[in-house]
Amino acid sequence: MAKTQLNVRVDEGTARAARERALARGMSVNRYIEELVRQDTGEVGHTFVEAAADFMKQYEAVFAEEFGDDRAPGAEGTREGRR
């Protein structure tokens, strides 16, 4: 994907916070800002929901064994035929 340079001016406190948050996440400030914009526009939310659904599908049997299917509302009869 082609990149476009975007220059923004922020106060020193905001710049410091952005640097600290990016460092804490192990990423560049550019990547951190890019991810914030994606979150704000919904891309990350959609990606998160897809990843969570994949995770739940992958570990469905483990959750069912640990907690039982009957603890979820509307879970009656959902165990058969899902695998």
Protein backbone atom coordinates (compact mmCIF):
# COMPACT_ATOMS: atom_id res chain seq x y z
CA MET A 1 0.00 0.00 0.00
CA ALA A 2 1.32 3.41 -0.94
CA LYS A 3 2.00 5.76 1.92
CA THR A 4 1.19 9.44 2.08
CA GLN A 5 2.99 11.80 4.39
CA LEU A 6 0.77 13.71 6.77
CA ASN A 7 2.14 16.47 8.98
CA VAL A 8 0.25 17.43 12.10
CA ARG A 9 1.00 19.87 14.87
CA VAL A 10 0.16 18.92 18.43
CA ASP A 11 1.13 20.32 21.79
CA GLU A 12 4.15 18.84 23.54
CA GLY A 13 2.03 16.88 26.03
CA THR A 14 0.13 15.15 23.23
CA ALA A 15 3.36 14.40 21.37
CA ARG A 16 4.93 12.97 24.52
CA ALA A 17 1.86 10.82 25.18
CA ALA A 18 1.89 9.51 21.60
CA ARG A 19 5.59 8.60 21.85
CA GLU A 20 5.12 6.89 25.22
CA ARG A 21 2.06 4.90 24.09
CA ALA A 22 3.77 3.84 20.88
CA LEU A 23 6.88 2.77 22.78
CA ALA A 24 4.79 0.82 25.30
CA ARG A 25 3.16 -1.03 22.41
CA GLY A 26 6.47 -1.64 20.67
CA MET A 27 5.61 0.33 17.55
CA SER A 28 6.51 3.53 15.80
CA VAL A 29 4.54 6.72 16.40
CA ASN A 30 3.47 6.56 12.74
CA ARG A 31 2.04 3.06 13.20
CA TYR A 32 0.39 4.05 16.48
CA ILE A 33 -1.38 7.04 14.89
CA GLU A 34 -2.35 4.92 11.89
CA GLU A 35 -3.95 2.34 14.20
CA LEU A 36 -5.82 5.05 16.12
CA VAL A 37 -7.32 6.34 12.88
CA ARG A 38 -8.27 2.81 11.81
CA GLN A 39 -9.95 2.25 15.18
CA ASP A 40 -11.86 5.47 14.79
CA THR A 41 -13.04 4.51 11.31
CA GLY A 42 -14.08 1.02 12.39
CA GLU A 43 -11.56 -1.16 10.56
CA VAL A 44 -9.96 -2.43 13.74
CA GLY A 45 -13.31 -3.11 15.34
CA HIS A 46 -14.33 -5.28 12.41
CA THR A 47 -10.98 -7.07 12.44
CA PHE A 48 -11.27 -7.63 16.20
CA VAL A 49 -14.75 -9.14 15.87
CA GLU A 50 -13.54 -11.49 13.12
CA ALA A 51 -10.52 -12.53 15.20
CA ALA A 52 -12.69 -13.07 18.29
CA ALA A 53 -15.12 -15.21 16.29
CA ASP A 54 -12.24 -17.30 14.91
CA PHE A 55 -10.82 -17.70 18.43
CA MET A 56 -14.16 -18.82 19.84
CA LYS A 57 -14.66 -21.28 17.00
CA GLN A 58 -11.18 -22.70 17.50
CA TYR A 59 -11.59 -23.09 21.28
CA GLU A 60 -15.32 -23.86 21.37
CA ALA A 61 -14.77 -27.39 22.69
CA VAL A 62 -12.47 -26.15 25.46
CA PHE A 63 -15.02 -23.56 26.61
CA ALA A 64 -17.85 -26.10 26.43
CA GLU A 65 -15.86 -28.58 28.50
CA GLU A 66 -14.87 -25.99 31.09
CA PHE A 67 -18.12 -24.06 31.39
CA GLY A 68 -20.74 -26.20 29.67
CA ASP A 69 -22.94 -25.17 26.77
CA ASP A 70 -25.98 -24.81 29.00
CA ARG A 71 -24.61 -21.66 30.71
CA ALA A 72 -25.07 -19.47 27.65
CA PRO A 73 -28.54 -18.04 26.97
CA GLY A 74 -30.17 -19.83 24.07
CA ALA A 75 -27.49 -22.51 24.01
CA GLU A 76 -29.96 -25.41 24.17
CA GLY A 77 -29.16 -27.91 21.47
CA THR A 78 -26.23 -25.95 20.03
CA ARG A 79 -23.54 -28.52 20.81
CA GLU A 80 -24.64 -31.13 18.24
CA GLY A 81 -23.67 -30.65 14.64
CA ARG A 82 -21.30 -27.69 15.11
CA ARG A 83 -17.97 -29.40 14.65
